[in-house]
C-alpha atoms as a PDB file:
ATOM      1  CA  UNK A   1     -27.652 -13.762  -1.235  1.00  0.00           C
ATOM      2  CA  UNK A   2     -28.256 -15.312   2.231  1.00  0.00           C
ATOM      3  CA  UNK A   3     -25.010 -14.595   3.268  1.00  0.00           C
ATOM      4  CA  UNK A   4     -25.251 -10.940   2.312  1.00  0.00           C
ATOM      5  CA  UNK A   5     -28.665 -10.546   4.137  1.00  0.00           C
ATOM      6  CA  UNK A   6     -26.912 -11.959   7.371  1.00  0.00           C
ATOM      7  CA  UNK A   7     -24.166  -9.526   6.877  1.00  0.00           C
ATOM      8  CA  UNK A   8     -26.252  -6.619   6.643  1.00  0.00           C
ATOM      9  CA  UNK A   9     -28.199  -7.693   9.699  1.00  0.00           C
ATOM     10  CA  UNK A  10     -25.102  -8.169  11.616  1.00  0.00           C
ATOM     11  CA  UNK A  11     -23.917  -4.762  10.629  1.00  0.00           C
ATOM     12  CA  UNK A  12     -27.148  -3.036  11.506  1.00  0.00           C
ATOM     13  CA  UNK A  13     -26.891  -4.707  14.923  1.00  0.00           C
ATOM     14  CA  UNK A  14     -23.259  -4.013  15.648  1.00  0.00           C
ATOM     15  CA  UNK A  15     -23.971  -1.074  18.087  1.00  0.00           C
ATOM     16  CA  UNK A  16     -25.969  -3.355  20.243  1.00  0.00           C
ATOM     17  CA  UNK A  17     -23.619  -6.243  19.903  1.00  0.00           C
ATOM     18  CA  UNK A  18     -20.408  -4.291  20.522  1.00  0.00           C
ATOM     19  CA  UNK A  19     -21.363  -1.419  22.601  1.00  0.00           C
ATOM     20  CA  UNK A  20     -17.835  -0.790  24.127  1.00  0.00           C
ATOM     21  CA  UNK A  21     -15.811  -1.790  21.322  1.00  0.00           C
ATOM     22  CA  UNK A  22     -15.297  -0.299  17.840  1.00  0.00           C
ATOM     23  CA  UNK A  23     -15.365  -3.598  15.975  1.00  0.00           C
ATOM     24  CA  UNK A  24     -14.277  -3.333  12.229  1.00  0.00           C
ATOM     25  CA  UNK A  25     -15.942  -5.902   9.507  1.00  0.00           C
ATOM     26  CA  UNK A  26     -13.186  -8.040   8.058  1.00  0.00           C
ATOM     27  CA  UNK A  27     -14.366  -8.812   4.520  1.00  0.00           C
ATOM     28  CA  UNK A  28     -11.382  -8.938   2.168  1.00  0.00           C
ATOM     29  CA  UNK A  29      -7.865 -10.208   1.770  1.00  0.00           C
ATOM     30  CA  UNK A  30      -6.640  -6.495   1.437  1.00  0.00           C
ATOM     31  CA  UNK A  31      -7.778  -5.719   4.875  1.00  0.00           C
ATOM     32  CA  UNK A  32      -5.864  -8.814   6.050  1.00  0.00           C
ATOM     33  CA  UNK A  33      -2.713  -7.182   4.579  1.00  0.00           C
ATOM     34  CA  UNK A  34      -3.581  -4.081   6.244  1.00  0.00           C
ATOM     35  CA  UNK A  35      -4.128  -6.025   9.535  1.00  0.00           C
ATOM     36  CA  UNK A  36      -0.423  -7.551   9.187  1.00  0.00           C
ATOM     37  CA  UNK A  37       1.087  -4.141   8.387  1.00  0.00           C
ATOM     38  CA  UNK A  38      -0.662  -2.356  11.053  1.00  0.00           C
ATOM     39  CA  UNK A  39       0.272  -5.089  13.691  1.00  0.00           C
ATOM     40  CA  UNK A  40       3.734  -3.556  13.588  1.00  0.00           C
ATOM     41  CA  UNK A  41       2.318  -0.352  15.311  1.00  0.00           C
ATOM     42  CA  UNK A  42      -0.231  -1.891  17.560  1.00  0.00           C
ATOM     43  CA  UNK A  43      -1.940  -5.277  18.275  1.00  0.00           C
ATOM     44  CA  UNK A  44      -4.596  -6.328  16.112  1.00  0.00           C
ATOM     45  CA  UNK A  45      -7.394  -8.670  17.101  1.00  0.00           C
ATOM     46  CA  UNK A  46      -9.501 -10.939  14.910  1.00  0.00           C
ATOM     47  CA  UNK A  47     -12.643 -12.635  16.227  1.00  0.00           C
ATOM     48  CA  UNK A  48     -14.069 -15.422  13.892  1.00  0.00           C
ATOM     49  CA  UNK A  49     -17.784 -15.718  14.703  1.00  0.00           C
ATOM     50  CA  UNK A  50     -20.484 -18.371  13.397  1.00  0.00           C
ATOM     51  CA  UNK A  51     -23.758 -16.869  13.760  1.00  0.00           C
ATOM     52  CA  UNK A  52     -25.187 -20.501  13.774  1.00  0.00           C
ATOM     53  CA  UNK A  53     -23.099 -21.712  16.667  1.00  0.00           C
ATOM     54  CA  UNK A  54     -24.265 -21.373  20.333  1.00  0.00           C
ATOM     55  CA  UNK A  55     -20.874 -21.676  21.537  1.00  0.00           C
ATOM     56  CA  UNK A  56     -19.786 -18.770  19.374  1.00  0.00           C
ATOM     57  CA  UNK A  57     -22.658 -16.745  20.546  1.00  0.00           C
ATOM     58  CA  UNK A  58     -21.502 -17.355  24.274  1.00  0.00           C
ATOM     59  CA  UNK A  59     -17.809 -16.193  23.348  1.00  0.00           C
ATOM     60  CA  UNK A  60     -19.426 -13.267  21.652  1.00  0.00           C
ATOM     61  CA  UNK A  61     -21.543 -12.473  24.778  1.00  0.00           C
ATOM     62  CA  UNK A  62     -18.481 -12.708  27.068  1.00  0.00           C
ATOM     63  CA  UNK A  63     -16.584 -10.145  24.850  1.00  0.00           C
ATOM     64  CA  UNK A  64     -19.466  -8.076  24.720  1.00  0.00           C
ATOM     65  CA  UNK A  65     -20.042  -7.984  28.365  1.00  0.00           C
ATOM     66  CA  UNK A  66     -16.297  -7.189  28.922  1.00  0.00           C
ATOM     67  CA  UNK A  67     -16.176  -3.598  28.107  1.00  0.00           C
ATOM     68  CA  UNK A  68     -13.300  -1.996  26.213  1.00  0.00           C
ATOM     69  CA  UNK A  69      -9.839  -3.531  25.917  1.00  0.00           C
ATOM     70  CA  UNK A  70      -6.655  -1.699  25.758  1.00  0.00           C
ATOM     71  CA  UNK A  71      -4.964  -0.223  22.639  1.00  0.00           C
ATOM     72  CA  UNK A  72      -5.912  -2.527  19.761  1.00  0.00           C
ATOM     73  CA  UNK A  73      -7.695  -2.768  16.522  1.00  0.00           C
ATOM     74  CA  UNK A  74     -10.568  -5.227  16.796  1.00  0.00           C
ATOM     75  CA  UNK A  75     -11.834  -7.063  13.568  1.00  0.00           C
ATOM     76  CA  UNK A  76     -14.890  -9.067  13.427  1.00  0.00           C
ATOM     77  CA  UNK A  77     -15.065 -11.874  10.725  1.00  0.00           C
ATOM     78  CA  UNK A  78     -18.611 -13.357   9.838  1.00  0.00           C
ATOM     79  CA  UNK A  79     -17.311 -16.869   9.214  1.00  0.00           C
ATOM     80  CA  UNK A  80     -20.399 -18.056   7.144  1.00  0.00           C
ATOM     81  CA  UNK A  81     -20.433 -15.100   4.845  1.00  0.00           C
ATOM     82  CA  UNK A  82     -16.470 -15.165   4.557  1.00  0.00           C
ATOM     83  CA  UNK A  83     -15.366 -18.746   4.925  1.00  0.00           C
ATOM     84  CA  UNK A  84     -12.529 -18.479   2.423  1.00  0.00           C
ATOM     85  CA  UNK A  85     -11.100 -15.488   4.105  1.00  0.00           C
ATOM     86  CA  UNK A  86     -11.161 -17.506   7.489  1.00  0.00           C
ATOM     87  CA  UNK A  87      -9.353 -20.260   5.650  1.00  0.00           C
ATOM     88  CA  UNK A  88      -6.849 -17.796   4.360  1.00  0.00           C
ATOM     89  CA  UNK A  89      -6.290 -16.472   8.061  1.00  0.00           C
ATOM     90  CA  UNK A  90      -5.604 -20.015   9.067  1.00  0.00           C
ATOM     91  CA  UNK A  91      -2.998 -20.347   6.233  1.00  0.00           C
ATOM     92  CA  UNK A  92      -1.186 -17.230   6.804  1.00  0.00           C
ATOM     93  CA  UNK A  93      -1.007 -17.430  10.571  1.00  0.00           C
ATOM     94  CA  UNK A  94      -0.412 -21.243  10.688  1.00  0.00           C
ATOM     95  CA  UNK A  95      -3.448 -21.744  13.087  1.00  0.00           C
ATOM     96  CA  UNK A  96      -6.105 -24.363  12.793  1.00  0.00           C
ATOM     97  CA  UNK A  97      -9.556 -23.119  11.353  1.00  0.00           C
ATOM     98  CA  UNK A  98     -11.973 -22.946  14.224  1.00  0.00           C
ATOM     99  CA  UNK A  99     -15.082 -21.221  15.188  1.00  0.00           C
ATOM    100  CA  UNK A 100     -15.345 -19.240  17.342  1.00  0.00           C
ATOM    101  CA  UNK A 101     -11.823 -18.106  17.449  1.00  0.00           C
ATOM    102  CA  UNK A 102      -9.859 -15.015  18.478  1.00  0.00           C
ATOM    103  CA  UNK A 103      -6.419 -14.278  17.198  1.00  0.00           C
ATOM    104  CA  UNK A 104      -3.994 -11.683  18.601  1.00  0.00           C
ATOM    105  CA  UNK A 105      -1.708 -10.441  15.731  1.00  0.00           C
ATOM    106  CA  UNK A 106       1.562  -8.493  16.702  1.00  0.00           C
ATOM    107  CA  UNK A 107       4.556  -7.779  14.261  1.00  0.00           C
ATOM    108  CA  UNK A 108       2.927  -9.844  11.434  1.00  0.00           C
ATOM    109  CA  UNK A 109       2.401 -13.003  13.576  1.00  0.00           C
ATOM    110  CA  UNK A 110      -0.395 -14.511  15.533  1.00  0.00           C
ATOM    111  CA  UNK A 111       1.034 -14.520  19.116  1.00  0.00           C
ATOM    112  CA  UNK A 112      -2.110 -15.718  20.752  1.00  0.00           C
ATOM    113  CA  UNK A 113      -4.961 -17.807  19.613  1.00  0.00           C
ATOM    114  CA  UNK A 114      -7.981 -19.252  21.537  1.00  0.00           C
ATOM    115  CA  UNK A 115     -11.195 -20.969  20.576  1.00  0.00           C
ATOM    116  CA  UNK A 116     -14.455 -22.073  21.853  1.00  0.00           C
ATOM    117  CA  UNK A 117     -15.121 -21.504  25.537  1.00  0.00           C
ATOM    118  CA  UNK A 118     -11.476 -20.681  26.069  1.00  0.00           C
ATOM    119  CA  UNK A 119     -12.097 -17.219  24.733  1.00  0.00           C
ATOM    120  CA  UNK A 120     -12.206 -14.708  27.632  1.00  0.00           C
ATOM    121  CA  UNK A 121     -11.811 -10.962  27.831  1.00  0.00           C
ATOM    122  CA  UNK A 122      -9.426 -11.422  30.864  1.00  0.00           C
ATOM    123  CA  UNK A 123      -7.111 -13.919  28.883  1.00  0.00           C
ATOM    124  CA  UNK A 124      -7.110 -11.518  25.891  1.00  0.00           C
ATOM    125  CA  UNK A 125      -6.426  -8.434  28.183  1.00  0.00           C
ATOM    126  CA  UNK A 126      -3.398 -10.180  29.752  1.00  0.00           C
ATOM    127  CA  UNK A 127      -2.124 -10.943  26.336  1.00  0.00           C
ATOM    128  CA  UNK A 128      -2.375  -7.398  25.169  1.00  0.00           C
ATOM    129  CA  UNK A 129      -0.548  -6.207  28.127  1.00  0.00           C
ATOM    130  CA  UNK A 130       2.376  -8.572  27.338  1.00  0.00           C
ATOM    131  CA  UNK A 131       2.185  -7.635  23.682  1.00  0.00           C
END
């Protein structure tokens, strides 16, 4: 119940949180399958966020201030509401579970992963150019 309330609150605030990016809520394993399939056409980005973590809020703020990034789809995972999905992501892409965490998916694989204060829009943009 609490997770649903938090999810609704975050969804209602998305326009303020992500004014420059069209973030898509990641809420199901079916979406994860679609992300993998879509990654063969264009890079896919997953941002895992904990609403209770100050470091996660800093990483989110950095991304928010960066403006739009190039040619990718951006997915937002509320870690507290979808912990099992986060664990599935770690398993599928062979990355440790961390929060905050950003993953860049291309051709079905995670080609870039960063966490905590290592998350920057500039580094992500560089990786997108290479991808």
